[in-house]
Amino acid sequence: MKKFLSRIKSTKGINGVIVALLLILVGVGAVGGIKTFMDNSKDTITTDVNTSLQSMKNN
């Protein structure tokens, strides 16, 4: 157990863990951002299409 803890506490091990956690955070943030962007784009397109259809219907 002591060898395991000393290995985790080593600089190389900690840097690897920090880099892995940062990559996970960046990945989750990117996925969340892309999902929000796509949802907003879908809503905008839907609104534009409905407006166009209403204007065509009224003409």
N, C-alpha and C. Protein backbone atom coordinates (compact mmCIF):
# COMPACT_ATOMS: atom_id res chain seq x y z
N MET A 1 0.83 -1.19 0.00
CA MET A 1 0.00 0.00 0.00
C MET A 1 0.87 1.25 0.00
N LYS A 2 1.97 1.24 0.71
CA LYS A 2 2.85 2.40 0.77
C LYS A 2 3.46 2.69 -0.60
N LYS A 3 3.84 1.62 -1.31
CA LYS A 3 4.39 1.82 -2.66
C LYS A 3 3.36 2.44 -3.58
N PHE A 4 2.12 1.99 -3.45
CA PHE A 4 1.05 2.52 -4.28
C PHE A 4 0.84 4.00 -3.99
N LEU A 5 0.78 4.37 -2.71
CA LEU A 5 0.57 5.78 -2.34
C LEU A 5 1.75 6.65 -2.76
N SER A 6 2.96 6.14 -2.61
CA SER A 6 4.11 6.93 -3.01
C SER A 6 4.14 7.12 -4.52
N ARG A 7 3.67 6.12 -5.23
CA ARG A 7 3.63 6.23 -6.69
C ARG A 7 2.57 7.25 -7.14
N ILE A 8 1.44 7.26 -6.45
CA ILE A 8 0.39 8.23 -6.76
C ILE A 8 0.87 9.65 -6.46
N LYS A 9 1.63 9.79 -5.38
CA LYS A 9 2.10 11.11 -4.97
C LYS A 9 3.26 11.62 -5.80
N SER A 10 3.85 10.78 -6.60
CA SER A 10 4.98 11.22 -7.41
C SER A 10 4.53 12.29 -8.40
N THR A 11 5.45 13.14 -8.78
CA THR A 11 5.14 14.25 -9.67
C THR A 11 4.60 13.75 -11.00
N LYS A 12 5.20 12.74 -11.55
CA LYS A 12 4.78 12.22 -12.84
C LYS A 12 3.35 11.68 -12.75
N GLY A 13 3.05 10.97 -11.69
CA GLY A 13 1.72 10.40 -11.52
C GLY A 13 0.67 11.48 -11.35
N ILE A 14 0.98 12.48 -10.55
CA ILE A 14 0.02 13.56 -10.31
C ILE A 14 -0.21 14.35 -11.60
N ASN A 15 0.84 14.62 -12.35
CA ASN A 15 0.67 15.35 -13.62
C ASN A 15 -0.22 14.58 -14.58
N GLY A 16 -0.05 13.29 -14.62
CA GLY A 16 -0.89 12.47 -15.49
C GLY A 16 -2.36 12.52 -15.08
N VAL A 17 -2.60 12.48 -13.78
CA VAL A 17 -3.97 12.55 -13.28
C VAL A 17 -4.57 13.92 -13.58
N ILE A 18 -3.80 14.97 -13.37
CA ILE A 18 -4.29 16.32 -13.63
C ILE A 18 -4.61 16.50 -15.11
N VAL A 19 -3.75 16.04 -15.97
CA VAL A 19 -3.98 16.15 -17.41
C VAL A 19 -5.23 15.36 -17.80
N ALA A 20 -5.39 14.17 -17.26
CA ALA A 20 -6.57 13.36 -17.57
C ALA A 20 -7.85 14.07 -17.12
N LEU A 21 -7.84 14.63 -15.92
CA LEU A 21 -9.02 15.34 -15.42
C LEU A 21 -9.33 16.57 -16.27
N LEU A 22 -8.30 17.30 -16.67
CA LEU A 22 -8.51 18.47 -17.52
C LEU A 22 -9.09 18.07 -18.88
N LEU A 23 -8.59 16.98 -19.44
CA LEU A 23 -9.12 16.52 -20.73
C LEU A 23 -10.59 16.10 -20.60
N ILE A 24 -10.92 15.47 -19.50
CA ILE A 24 -12.31 15.08 -19.27
C ILE A 24 -13.19 16.32 -19.16
N LEU A 25 -12.73 17.31 -18.40
CA LEU A 25 -13.51 18.54 -18.25
C LEU A 25 -13.69 19.26 -19.59
N VAL A 26 -12.63 19.33 -20.38
CA VAL A 26 -12.73 19.98 -21.69
C VAL A 26 -13.68 19.21 -22.59
N GLY A 27 -13.61 17.90 -22.57
CA GLY A 27 -14.51 17.08 -23.38
C GLY A 27 -15.97 17.27 -23.00
N VAL A 28 -16.25 17.25 -21.70
CA VAL A 28 -17.63 17.44 -21.24
C VAL A 28 -18.12 18.84 -21.61
N GLY A 29 -17.26 19.83 -21.43
CA GLY A 29 -17.64 21.19 -21.80
C GLY A 29 -17.92 21.33 -23.28
N ALA A 30 -17.10 20.70 -24.10
CA ALA A 30 -17.28 20.77 -25.55
C ALA A 30 -18.59 20.11 -25.96
N VAL A 31 -18.88 18.96 -25.39
CA VAL A 31 -20.14 18.27 -25.73
C VAL A 31 -21.34 19.11 -25.31
N GLY A 32 -21.26 19.69 -24.11
CA GLY A 32 -22.35 20.54 -23.64
C GLY A 32 -22.52 21.77 -24.52
N GLY A 33 -21.44 22.38 -24.92
CA GLY A 33 -21.50 23.55 -25.79
C GLY A 33 -22.07 23.23 -27.15
N ILE A 34 -21.66 22.12 -27.72
CA ILE A 34 -22.16 21.72 -29.04
C ILE A 34 -23.65 21.41 -28.96
N LYS A 35 -24.07 20.74 -27.89
CA LYS A 35 -25.50 20.41 -27.73
C LYS A 35 -26.32 21.68 -27.61
N THR A 36 -25.86 22.64 -26.83
CA THR A 36 -26.58 23.90 -26.68
C THR A 36 -26.65 24.64 -28.01
N PHE A 37 -25.55 24.68 -28.74
CA PHE A 37 -25.52 25.34 -30.05
C PHE A 37 -26.51 24.69 -31.01
N MET A 38 -26.52 23.37 -31.04
CA MET A 38 -27.42 22.66 -31.96
C MET A 38 -28.88 22.89 -31.57
N ASP A 39 -29.20 22.88 -30.29
CA ASP A 39 -30.57 23.12 -29.85
C ASP A 39 -31.01 24.53 -30.24
N ASN A 40 -30.14 25.51 -30.02
CA ASN A 40 -30.48 26.89 -30.38
C ASN A 40 -30.65 27.04 -31.89
N SER A 41 -29.79 26.39 -32.66
CA SER A 41 -29.90 26.45 -34.11
C SER A 41 -31.20 25.82 -34.58
N LYS A 42 -31.57 24.69 -33.98
CA LYS A 42 -32.82 24.02 -34.35
C LYS A 42 -34.01 24.91 -34.07
N ASP A 43 -34.01 25.56 -32.91
CA ASP A 43 -35.12 26.46 -32.55
C ASP A 43 -35.20 27.64 -33.51
N THR A 44 -34.06 28.20 -33.88
CA THR A 44 -34.03 29.33 -34.82
C THR A 44 -34.56 28.92 -36.18
N ILE A 45 -34.14 27.78 -36.66
CA ILE A 45 -34.59 27.30 -37.97
C ILE A 45 -36.09 27.02 -37.94
N THR A 46 -36.57 26.40 -36.87
CA THR A 46 -38.00 26.11 -36.74
C THR A 46 -38.82 27.39 -36.75
N THR A 47 -38.36 28.39 -36.02
CA THR A 47 -39.06 29.68 -35.99
C THR A 47 -39.07 30.33 -37.37
N ASP A 48 -37.93 30.32 -38.05
CA ASP A 48 -37.85 30.91 -39.39
C ASP A 48 -38.78 30.21 -40.38
N VAL A 49 -38.83 28.88 -40.31
CA VAL A 49 -39.68 28.12 -41.23
C VAL A 49 -41.15 28.42 -40.93
N ASN A 50 -41.52 28.45 -39.66
CA ASN A 50 -42.91 28.74 -39.31
C ASN A 50 -43.31 30.14 -39.76
N THR A 51 -42.41 31.11 -39.61
CA THR A 51 -42.68 32.47 -40.06
C THR A 51 -42.86 32.51 -41.58
N SER A 52 -42.00 31.81 -42.29
CA SER A 52 -42.09 31.77 -43.76
C SER A 52 -43.39 31.11 -44.20
N LEU A 53 -43.77 30.02 -43.56
CA LEU A 53 -45.00 29.33 -43.92
C LEU A 53 -46.23 30.21 -43.64
N GLN A 54 -46.21 30.92 -42.55
CA GLN A 54 -47.33 31.81 -42.22
C GLN A 54 -47.45 32.94 -43.25
N SER A 55 -46.30 33.50 -43.64
CA SER A 55 -46.33 34.59 -44.63
C SER A 55 -46.81 34.07 -45.99
N MET A 56 -46.44 32.85 -46.35
CA MET A 56 -46.89 32.26 -47.61
C MET A 56 -48.38 31.96 -47.55
N LYS A 57 -48.84 31.51 -46.39
CA LYS A 57 -50.25 31.18 -46.20
C LYS A 57 -51.12 32.44 -46.30
N ASN A 58 -50.61 33.56 -45.78
CA ASN A 58 -51.36 34.79 -45.79
C ASN A 58 -51.38 35.46 -47.16
N ASN A 59 -50.44 35.11 -48.01
CA ASN A 59 -50.39 35.72 -49.36
C ASN A 59 -51.21 34.91 -50.28
